[in-house]
């Protein structure tokens, strides 16, 4: 099972930050390969892999976190901008928490491969349209607080596997005129508290499960792999969106979603 966990850790780390839905992939892959071990589809594994990507966000965006913290304290460059972004992140995180915590079991119940594949296609098309027709009007420093809060609030939809937390943030950001690089960076910053908060909450429950107790080293390796690959992915993504559109990710979503739907339908899964 080591190979499967490492593969899922790599998939989690790459898809968590790219706008292609990590939760959707984690639901679909075990189904396609017929992995029957409950550990591979457990919330416990999903939790520790999310903790790994949380560490990746901390490492890859360390200078950004430092700037935001100093800004909230009234120090560093562009204090007004840092405070605006910080308030947007805090406000969006609180809003998502208020909605997500009471409905946690509902969202867990939506972990269905067919639904995830369908949403990969639907939101892939929406991402492509938003990026194609959205204006490159505002940057990370010039975007208003209200726009950032709308981008952050849209993350609520991403609690459904197949949507993508970064994907919906980039989609809404681009549709509101935020430039591509700013939308991508803000989506990653926005993920930090959400990933860390959700991971720590679920970790408390997971620590009491047999999966956690009996597979400690397996889960540690998965976390470390997700952290390393995630750090590399974040740095690559920020460089990529400086020069290219989001069309590649939209195309990937549509192709993968359609293929999965065909396979699942053909096999009667």
C-alpha atoms as a PDB file:
ATOM      1  CA  UNK A   1       0.000   0.000   0.000  1.00  0.00           C
ATOM      2  CA  UNK A   2       3.030   2.287   0.216  1.00  0.00           C
ATOM      3  CA  UNK A   3       3.043   2.891  -3.545  1.00  0.00           C
ATOM      4  CA  UNK A   4      -0.639   3.815  -3.570  1.00  0.00           C
ATOM      5  CA  UNK A   5      -0.239   6.273  -0.705  1.00  0.00           C
ATOM      6  CA  UNK A   6       2.777   7.942  -2.342  1.00  0.00           C
ATOM      7  CA  UNK A   7       0.858   8.217  -5.625  1.00  0.00           C
ATOM      8  CA  UNK A   8      -2.131   9.776  -3.861  1.00  0.00           C
ATOM      9  CA  UNK A   9       0.215  12.167  -2.020  1.00  0.00           C
ATOM     10  CA  UNK A  10       1.706  13.337  -5.318  1.00  0.00           C
ATOM     11  CA  UNK A  11      -1.752  13.692  -6.883  1.00  0.00           C
ATOM     12  CA  UNK A  12      -2.992  15.603  -3.831  1.00  0.00           C
ATOM     13  CA  UNK A  13      -0.001  17.943  -3.833  1.00  0.00           C
ATOM     14  CA  UNK A  14      -0.267  18.768  -7.541  1.00  0.00           C
ATOM     15  CA  UNK A  15      -4.039  19.032  -7.820  1.00  0.00           C
ATOM     16  CA  UNK A  16      -4.557  20.900  -4.543  1.00  0.00           C
ATOM     17  CA  UNK A  17      -2.960  24.038  -5.946  1.00  0.00           C
ATOM     18  CA  UNK A  18      -3.708  23.735  -9.643  1.00  0.00           C
ATOM     19  CA  UNK A  19      -7.327  24.601 -10.512  1.00  0.00           C
ATOM     20  CA  UNK A  20      -8.271  20.977 -11.182  1.00  0.00           C
ATOM     21  CA  UNK A  21      -9.749  19.747  -7.833  1.00  0.00           C
ATOM     22  CA  UNK A  22      -7.685  17.574  -5.492  1.00  0.00           C
ATOM     23  CA  UNK A  23     -10.727  16.139  -3.714  1.00  0.00           C
ATOM     24  CA  UNK A  24     -12.206  15.123  -7.047  1.00  0.00           C
ATOM     25  CA  UNK A  25      -9.036  13.251  -7.989  1.00  0.00           C
ATOM     26  CA  UNK A  26      -8.800  11.541  -4.598  1.00  0.00           C
ATOM     27  CA  UNK A  27     -12.358  10.290  -5.030  1.00  0.00           C
ATOM     28  CA  UNK A  28     -11.953   9.207  -8.664  1.00  0.00           C
ATOM     29  CA  UNK A  29      -8.522   7.508  -8.666  1.00  0.00           C
ATOM     30  CA  UNK A  30      -9.244   4.708  -6.141  1.00  0.00           C
ATOM     31  CA  UNK A  31     -12.517   4.027  -7.958  1.00  0.00           C
ATOM     32  CA  UNK A  32     -10.855   3.761 -11.376  1.00  0.00           C
ATOM     33  CA  UNK A  33      -8.025   1.499 -10.187  1.00  0.00           C
ATOM     34  CA  UNK A  34     -10.294  -0.642  -8.052  1.00  0.00           C
ATOM     35  CA  UNK A  35      -8.411   0.011  -4.828  1.00  0.00           C
ATOM     36  CA  UNK A  36     -10.498  -1.631  -2.152  1.00  0.00           C
ATOM     37  CA  UNK A  37      -8.418  -0.937   0.950  1.00  0.00           C
ATOM     38  CA  UNK A  38     -10.581   1.454   3.024  1.00  0.00           C
ATOM     39  CA  UNK A  39      -7.450   3.289   4.131  1.00  0.00           C
ATOM     40  CA  UNK A  40      -6.945   4.652   0.603  1.00  0.00           C
ATOM     41  CA  UNK A  41     -10.373   6.280   0.520  1.00  0.00           C
ATOM     42  CA  UNK A  42     -10.519   7.246   4.194  1.00  0.00           C
ATOM     43  CA  UNK A  43     -10.927  10.730   5.575  1.00  0.00           C
ATOM     44  CA  UNK A  44      -7.845   9.978   7.699  1.00  0.00           C
ATOM     45  CA  UNK A  45      -5.590   9.789   4.649  1.00  0.00           C
ATOM     46  CA  UNK A  46      -7.225  12.841   3.088  1.00  0.00           C
ATOM     47  CA  UNK A  47      -6.563  14.767   6.311  1.00  0.00           C
ATOM     48  CA  UNK A  48      -2.850  14.029   6.543  1.00  0.00           C
ATOM     49  CA  UNK A  49      -2.321  14.754   2.851  1.00  0.00           C
ATOM     50  CA  UNK A  50      -4.031  18.122   3.348  1.00  0.00           C
ATOM     51  CA  UNK A  51      -1.674  18.799   6.252  1.00  0.00           C
ATOM     52  CA  UNK A  52       1.200  18.142   3.877  1.00  0.00           C
ATOM     53  CA  UNK A  53      -0.108  20.657   1.368  1.00  0.00           C
ATOM     54  CA  UNK A  54      -0.624  23.105   4.237  1.00  0.00           C
ATOM     55  CA  UNK A  55       3.089  22.830   5.021  1.00  0.00           C
ATOM     56  CA  UNK A  56       3.797  23.407   1.320  1.00  0.00           C
ATOM     57  CA  UNK A  57       1.834  26.662   1.376  1.00  0.00           C
ATOM     58  CA  UNK A  58       3.757  27.813   4.416  1.00  0.00           C
ATOM     59  CA  UNK A  59       7.107  27.062   2.802  1.00  0.00           C
ATOM     60  CA  UNK A  60       6.436  28.282  -0.748  1.00  0.00           C
ATOM     61  CA  UNK A  61       4.714  31.542   0.282  1.00  0.00           C
ATOM     62  CA  UNK A  62       6.744  32.322   3.381  1.00  0.00           C
ATOM     63  CA  UNK A  63       7.651  35.846   2.224  1.00  0.00           C
ATOM     64  CA  UNK A  64       3.978  36.597   1.515  1.00  0.00           C
ATOM     65  CA  UNK A  65       2.863  35.376   4.967  1.00  0.00           C
ATOM     66  CA  UNK A  66       5.594  37.474   6.587  1.00  0.00           C
ATOM     67  CA  UNK A  67       4.476  40.556   4.629  1.00  0.00           C
ATOM     68  CA  UNK A  68       0.824  40.051   5.612  1.00  0.00           C
ATOM     69  CA  UNK A  69       1.641  39.552   9.294  1.00  0.00           C
ATOM     70  CA  UNK A  70       3.897  42.602   9.399  1.00  0.00           C
ATOM     71  CA  UNK A  71       1.248  44.622   7.586  1.00  0.00           C
ATOM     72  CA  UNK A  72      -1.391  43.723  10.161  1.00  0.00           C
ATOM     73  CA  UNK A  73       1.042  44.984  12.815  1.00  0.00           C
ATOM     74  CA  UNK A  74       1.556  48.236  10.908  1.00  0.00           C
ATOM     75  CA  UNK A  75       5.046  47.441   9.647  1.00  0.00           C
ATOM     76  CA  UNK A  76       6.677  46.567   6.337  1.00  0.00           C
ATOM     77  CA  UNK A  77       5.920  47.767   2.800  1.00  0.00           C
ATOM     78  CA  UNK A  78       2.409  48.481   1.492  1.00  0.00           C
ATOM     79  CA  UNK A  79       0.736  48.249   4.892  1.00  0.00           C
ATOM     80  CA  UNK A  80      -2.677  49.243   3.519  1.00  0.00           C
ATOM     81  CA  UNK A  81      -2.575  46.533   0.861  1.00  0.00           C
ATOM     82  CA  UNK A  82      -1.334  43.904   3.313  1.00  0.00           C
ATOM     83  CA  UNK A  83      -4.146  44.726   5.720  1.00  0.00           C
ATOM     84  CA  UNK A  84      -6.740  44.629   2.932  1.00  0.00           C
ATOM     85  CA  UNK A  85      -5.581  41.183   1.837  1.00  0.00           C
ATOM     86  CA  UNK A  86      -5.358  39.935   5.416  1.00  0.00           C
ATOM     87  CA  UNK A  87      -8.879  41.090   6.218  1.00  0.00           C
ATOM     88  CA  UNK A  88     -10.137  39.442   3.033  1.00  0.00           C
ATOM     89  CA  UNK A  89      -8.508  36.141   3.974  1.00  0.00           C
ATOM     90  CA  UNK A  90      -9.723  36.275   7.578  1.00  0.00           C
ATOM     91  CA  UNK A  91     -13.269  37.272   6.605  1.00  0.00           C
ATOM     92  CA  UNK A  92     -13.551  34.620   3.912  1.00  0.00           C
ATOM     93  CA  UNK A  93     -12.166  31.921   6.196  1.00  0.00           C
ATOM     94  CA  UNK A  94     -14.634  32.755   8.976  1.00  0.00           C
ATOM     95  CA  UNK A  95     -17.533  32.730   6.519  1.00  0.00           C
ATOM     96  CA  UNK A  96     -16.550  29.346   5.124  1.00  0.00           C
ATOM     97  CA  UNK A  97     -16.074  27.957   8.615  1.00  0.00           C
ATOM     98  CA  UNK A  98     -19.526  29.090   9.730  1.00  0.00           C
ATOM     99  CA  UNK A  99     -21.088  27.280   6.778  1.00  0.00           C
ATOM    100  CA  UNK A 100     -18.768  24.282   6.448  1.00  0.00           C
ATOM    101  CA  UNK A 101     -18.580  23.104  10.062  1.00  0.00           C
ATOM    102  CA  UNK A 102     -22.321  22.482  10.560  1.00  0.00           C
ATOM    103  CA  UNK A 103     -22.592  20.903   7.102  1.00  0.00           C
ATOM    104  CA  UNK A 104     -19.405  18.815   7.276  1.00  0.00           C
ATOM    105  CA  UNK A 105     -21.211  15.474   7.073  1.00  0.00           C
ATOM    106  CA  UNK A 106     -23.262  16.699   4.119  1.00  0.00           C
ATOM    107  CA  UNK A 107     -20.155  17.561   2.105  1.00  0.00           C
ATOM    108  CA  UNK A 108     -18.498  14.262   3.049  1.00  0.00           C
ATOM    109  CA  UNK A 109     -21.583  12.524   1.682  1.00  0.00           C
ATOM    110  CA  UNK A 110     -21.001  14.176  -1.700  1.00  0.00           C
ATOM    111  CA  UNK A 111     -17.785  12.212  -2.304  1.00  0.00           C
ATOM    112  CA  UNK A 112     -19.173  10.488  -5.396  1.00  0.00           C
ATOM    113  CA  UNK A 113     -16.972   9.730  -8.451  1.00  0.00           C
ATOM    114  CA  UNK A 114     -19.698  10.486 -11.012  1.00  0.00           C
ATOM    115  CA  UNK A 115     -20.504  13.829  -9.397  1.00  0.00           C
ATOM    116  CA  UNK A 116     -16.817  14.729  -9.129  1.00  0.00           C
ATOM    117  CA  UNK A 117     -16.206  13.929 -12.802  1.00  0.00           C
ATOM    118  CA  UNK A 118     -19.246  15.938 -13.875  1.00  0.00           C
ATOM    119  CA  UNK A 119     -18.122  18.963 -11.894  1.00  0.00           C
ATOM    120  CA  UNK A 120     -14.626  18.692 -13.342  1.00  0.00           C
ATOM    121  CA  UNK A 121     -16.170  19.258 -16.770  1.00  0.00           C
ATOM    122  CA  UNK A 122     -18.677  21.943 -15.768  1.00  0.00           C
ATOM    123  CA  UNK A 123     -16.254  24.101 -13.835  1.00  0.00           C
ATOM    124  CA  UNK A 124     -13.539  23.522 -16.404  1.00  0.00           C
ATOM    125  CA  UNK A 125     -15.752  25.197 -18.996  1.00  0.00           C
ATOM    126  CA  UNK A 126     -16.615  28.008 -16.571  1.00  0.00           C
ATOM    127  CA  UNK A 127     -12.905  28.547 -15.806  1.00  0.00           C
ATOM    128  CA  UNK A 128     -12.065  28.782 -19.504  1.00  0.00           C
ATOM    129  CA  UNK A 129     -14.831  31.311 -20.154  1.00  0.00           C
ATOM    130  CA  UNK A 130     -13.906  33.465 -17.159  1.00  0.00           C
ATOM    131  CA  UNK A 131     -10.240  33.530 -18.133  1.00  0.00           C
ATOM    132  CA  UNK A 132     -10.971  34.183 -21.799  1.00  0.00           C
ATOM    133  CA  UNK A 133     -13.422  37.039 -21.348  1.00  0.00           C
ATOM    134  CA  UNK A 134     -12.325  38.473 -17.990  1.00  0.00           C
ATOM    135  CA  UNK A 135     -10.368  41.729 -18.170  1.00  0.00           C
ATOM    136  CA  UNK A 136      -6.866  42.047 -16.719  1.00  0.00           C
ATOM    137  CA  UNK A 137      -7.977  45.166 -14.871  1.00  0.00           C
ATOM    138  CA  UNK A 138      -6.629  44.949 -11.321  1.00  0.00           C
ATOM    139  CA  UNK A 139      -3.549  43.550  -9.607  1.00  0.00           C
ATOM    140  CA  UNK A 140      -2.913  42.069  -6.176  1.00  0.00           C
ATOM    141  CA  UNK A 141      -2.332  45.564  -4.796  1.00  0.00           C
ATOM    142  CA  UNK A 142      -5.133  47.432  -6.558  1.00  0.00           C
ATOM    143  CA  UNK A 143      -8.053  45.002  -6.165  1.00  0.00           C
ATOM    144  CA  UNK A 144     -10.689  46.202  -3.687  1.00  0.00           C
ATOM    145  CA  UNK A 145     -11.640  44.525  -0.419  1.00  0.00           C
ATOM    146  CA  UNK A 146     -15.148  43.755  -1.689  1.00  0.00           C
ATOM    147  CA  UNK A 147     -13.821  41.889  -4.732  1.00  0.00           C
ATOM    148  CA  UNK A 148     -11.429  39.824  -2.623  1.00  0.00           C
ATOM    149  CA  UNK A 149     -14.257  38.943  -0.221  1.00  0.00           C
ATOM    150  CA  UNK A 150     -16.399  37.749  -3.145  1.00  0.00           C
ATOM    151  CA  UNK A 151     -13.510  35.627  -4.398  1.00  0.00           C
ATOM    152  CA  UNK A 152     -13.055  34.191  -0.927  1.00  0.00           C
ATOM    153  CA  UNK A 153     -16.736  33.488  -0.356  1.00  0.00           C
ATOM    154  CA  UNK A 154     -16.865  31.520  -3.611  1.00  0.00           C
ATOM    155  CA  UNK A 155     -14.685  28.868  -1.958  1.00  0.00           C
ATOM    156  CA  UNK A 156     -17.803  27.530  -0.278  1.00  0.00           C
ATOM    157  CA  UNK A 157     -18.703  25.810  -3.546  1.00  0.00           C
ATOM    158  CA  UNK A 158     -15.318  24.056  -3.566  1.00  0.00           C
ATOM    159  CA  UNK A 159     -16.320  21.933  -0.584  1.00  0.00           C
ATOM    160  CA  UNK A 160     -17.981  19.698  -3.182  1.00  0.00           C
ATOM    161  CA  UNK A 161     -15.388  17.327  -4.743  1.00  0.00           C
ATOM    162  CA  UNK A 162     -14.720  18.207  -8.366  1.00  0.00           C
ATOM    163  CA  UNK A 163     -15.007  21.989  -8.042  1.00  0.00           C
ATOM    164  CA  UNK A 164     -11.487  22.985  -6.822  1.00  0.00           C
ATOM    165  CA  UNK A 165     -10.726  25.580  -4.171  1.00  0.00           C
ATOM    166  CA  UNK A 166      -8.082  27.353  -6.242  1.00  0.00           C
ATOM    167  CA  UNK A 167     -10.125  26.864  -9.407  1.00  0.00           C
ATOM    168  CA  UNK A 168     -13.244  28.599  -8.142  1.00  0.00           C
ATOM    169  CA  UNK A 169     -11.170  31.439  -6.669  1.00  0.00           C
ATOM    170  CA  UNK A 170      -9.374  31.992  -9.975  1.00  0.00           C
ATOM    171  CA  UNK A 171     -12.632  31.721 -11.898  1.00  0.00           C
ATOM    172  CA  UNK A 172     -14.421  34.340  -9.813  1.00  0.00           C
ATOM    173  CA  UNK A 173     -11.335  36.546  -9.664  1.00  0.00           C
ATOM    174  CA  UNK A 174     -10.880  36.534 -13.427  1.00  0.00           C
ATOM    175  CA  UNK A 175     -14.608  37.157 -14.013  1.00  0.00           C
ATOM    176  CA  UNK A 176     -14.344  40.236 -11.763  1.00  0.00           C
ATOM    177  CA  UNK A 177     -11.373  41.644 -13.673  1.00  0.00           C
ATOM    178  CA  UNK A 178      -8.501  40.514 -11.453  1.00  0.00           C
ATOM    179  CA  UNK A 179      -5.369  39.773 -13.467  1.00  0.00           C
ATOM    180  CA  UNK A 180      -4.288  36.158 -13.776  1.00  0.00           C
ATOM    181  CA  UNK A 181      -1.202  36.309 -11.562  1.00  0.00           C
ATOM    182  CA  UNK A 182      -3.046  38.133  -8.778  1.00  0.00           C
ATOM    183  CA  UNK A 183      -5.980  35.730  -8.875  1.00  0.00           C
ATOM    184  CA  UNK A 184      -3.636  32.746  -8.643  1.00  0.00           C
ATOM    185  CA  UNK A 185      -1.556  34.154  -5.772  1.00  0.00           C
ATOM    186  CA  UNK A 186      -4.592  35.254  -3.782  1.00  0.00           C
ATOM    187  CA  UNK A 187      -6.235  31.851  -4.273  1.00  0.00           C
ATOM    188  CA  UNK A 188      -3.154  30.213  -2.758  1.00  0.00           C
ATOM    189  CA  UNK A 189      -3.012  32.647   0.168  1.00  0.00           C
ATOM    190  CA  UNK A 190      -6.705  32.096   0.722  1.00  0.00           C
ATOM    191  CA  UNK A 191      -6.147  28.360   0.945  1.00  0.00           C
ATOM    192  CA  UNK A 192      -3.666  28.618   3.813  1.00  0.00           C
ATOM    193  CA  UNK A 193      -6.033  29.106   6.776  1.00  0.00           C
ATOM    194  CA  UNK A 194      -8.748  26.952   5.197  1.00  0.00           C
ATOM    195  CA  UNK A 195      -6.437  23.992   4.596  1.00  0.00           C
ATOM    196  CA  UNK A 196      -4.774  24.319   7.996  1.00  0.00           C
ATOM    197  CA  UNK A 197      -8.045  24.794   9.867  1.00  0.00           C
ATOM    198  CA  UNK A 198      -9.874  21.940   8.170  1.00  0.00           C
ATOM    199  CA  UNK A 199      -6.864  19.675   8.533  1.00  0.00           C
ATOM    200  CA  UNK A 200      -6.418  20.306  12.241  1.00  0.00           C
ATOM    201  CA  UNK A 201     -10.120  19.862  12.942  1.00  0.00           C
ATOM    202  CA  UNK A 202     -10.305  16.578  11.121  1.00  0.00           C
ATOM    203  CA  UNK A 203      -6.970  15.452  12.567  1.00  0.00           C
ATOM    204  CA  UNK A 204      -8.456  15.488  16.057  1.00  0.00           C
ATOM    205  CA  UNK A 205     -11.100  13.000  14.926  1.00  0.00           C
ATOM    206  CA  UNK A 206      -8.664  11.010  12.811  1.00  0.00           C
ATOM    207  CA  UNK A 207      -6.230  10.482  15.710  1.00  0.00           C
ATOM    208  CA  UNK A 208      -8.824   8.288  17.345  1.00  0.00           C
ATOM    209  CA  UNK A 209      -9.325   5.983  14.350  1.00  0.00           C
ATOM    210  CA  UNK A 210      -7.754   2.593  13.709  1.00  0.00           C
ATOM    211  CA  UNK A 211      -6.411   3.852  10.360  1.00  0.00           C
ATOM    212  CA  UNK A 212      -4.297   6.492  12.081  1.00  0.00           C
ATOM    213  CA  UNK A 213      -3.086   4.250  14.900  1.00  0.00           C
ATOM    214  CA  UNK A 214      -2.116   1.337  12.667  1.00  0.00           C
ATOM    215  CA  UNK A 215      -0.522   3.293   9.802  1.00  0.00           C
ATOM    216  CA  UNK A 216       1.471   6.063  11.450  1.00  0.00           C
ATOM    217  CA  UNK A 217       4.625   5.768   9.323  1.00  0.00           C
ATOM    218  CA  UNK A 218       2.623   5.350   6.152  1.00  0.00           C
ATOM    219  CA  UNK A 219       0.767   8.566   6.901  1.00  0.00           C
ATOM    220  CA  UNK A 220       3.977  10.407   7.837  1.00  0.00           C
ATOM    221  CA  UNK A 221       5.517   9.511   4.466  1.00  0.00           C
ATOM    222  CA  UNK A 222       2.359  10.641   2.678  1.00  0.00           C
ATOM    223  CA  UNK A 223       2.468  13.969   4.504  1.00  0.00           C
ATOM    224  CA  UNK A 224       6.133  14.597   3.656  1.00  0.00           C
ATOM    225  CA  UNK A 225       5.674  13.675  -0.010  1.00  0.00           C
ATOM    226  CA  UNK A 226       2.671  16.007  -0.266  1.00  0.00           C
ATOM    227  CA  UNK A 227       4.653  18.809   1.384  1.00  0.00           C
ATOM    228  CA  UNK A 228       7.669  18.560  -0.932  1.00  0.00           C
ATOM    229  CA  UNK A 229       5.713  18.098  -4.178  1.00  0.00           C
ATOM    230  CA  UNK A 230       3.229  20.781  -3.127  1.00  0.00           C
ATOM    231  CA  UNK A 231       5.986  23.350  -2.568  1.00  0.00           C
ATOM    232  CA  UNK A 232       7.371  22.721  -6.050  1.00  0.00           C
ATOM    233  CA  UNK A 233       3.885  22.912  -7.560  1.00  0.00           C
ATOM    234  CA  UNK A 234       3.080  26.279  -5.978  1.00  0.00           C
ATOM    235  CA  UNK A 235       6.295  27.814  -7.271  1.00  0.00           C
ATOM    236  CA  UNK A 236       5.714  26.397 -10.760  1.00  0.00           C
ATOM    237  CA  UNK A 237       2.105  27.631 -10.894  1.00  0.00           C
ATOM    238  CA  UNK A 238       2.991  31.209  -9.960  1.00  0.00           C
ATOM    239  CA  UNK A 239       5.588  31.288 -12.719  1.00  0.00           C
ATOM    240  CA  UNK A 240       3.279  29.672 -15.268  1.00  0.00           C
ATOM    241  CA  UNK A 241       0.365  32.112 -14.881  1.00  0.00           C
ATOM    242  CA  UNK A 242       2.699  35.051 -15.436  1.00  0.00           C
ATOM    243  CA  UNK A 243       3.114  33.934 -19.050  1.00  0.00           C
ATOM    244  CA  UNK A 244       0.163  31.710 -19.945  1.00  0.00           C
ATOM    245  CA  UNK A 245      -3.621  31.531 -19.762  1.00  0.00           C
ATOM    246  CA  UNK A 246      -5.613  29.110 -17.603  1.00  0.00           C
ATOM    247  CA  UNK A 247      -6.865  27.310 -20.702  1.00  0.00           C
ATOM    248  CA  UNK A 248      -4.519  24.351 -20.191  1.00  0.00           C
ATOM    249  CA  UNK A 249      -6.087  23.593 -16.800  1.00  0.00           C
ATOM    250  CA  UNK A 250      -9.596  24.019 -18.170  1.00  0.00           C
ATOM    251  CA  UNK A 251      -8.833  21.608 -21.026  1.00  0.00           C
ATOM    252  CA  UNK A 252      -7.343  19.090 -18.604  1.00  0.00           C
ATOM    253  CA  UNK A 253     -10.453  19.234 -16.413  1.00  0.00           C
ATOM    254  CA  UNK A 254     -12.809  18.667 -19.329  1.00  0.00           C
ATOM    255  CA  UNK A 255     -10.788  15.813 -20.862  1.00  0.00           C
ATOM    256  CA  UNK A 256     -10.288  13.989 -17.552  1.00  0.00           C
ATOM    257  CA  UNK A 257     -13.900  14.513 -16.534  1.00  0.00           C
ATOM    258  CA  UNK A 258     -15.281  13.185 -19.819  1.00  0.00           C
ATOM    259  CA  UNK A 259     -12.940  10.166 -19.815  1.00  0.00           C
ATOM    260  CA  UNK A 260     -13.869   9.292 -16.231  1.00  0.00           C
ATOM    261  CA  UNK A 261     -17.584   9.630 -16.967  1.00  0.00           C
ATOM    262  CA  UNK A 262     -17.248   7.333 -19.971  1.00  0.00           C
ATOM    263  CA  UNK A 263     -15.239   4.732 -18.019  1.00  0.00           C
ATOM    264  CA  UNK A 264     -17.571   4.777 -15.020  1.00  0.00           C
ATOM    265  CA  UNK A 265     -20.622   4.534 -17.250  1.00  0.00           C
ATOM    266  CA  UNK A 266     -19.093   1.737 -19.336  1.00  0.00           C
ATOM    267  CA  UNK A 267     -18.127  -0.304 -16.278  1.00  0.00           C
ATOM    268  CA  UNK A 268     -21.433   0.398 -14.556  1.00  0.00           C
ATOM    269  CA  UNK A 269     -19.700   1.785 -11.469  1.00  0.00           C
END
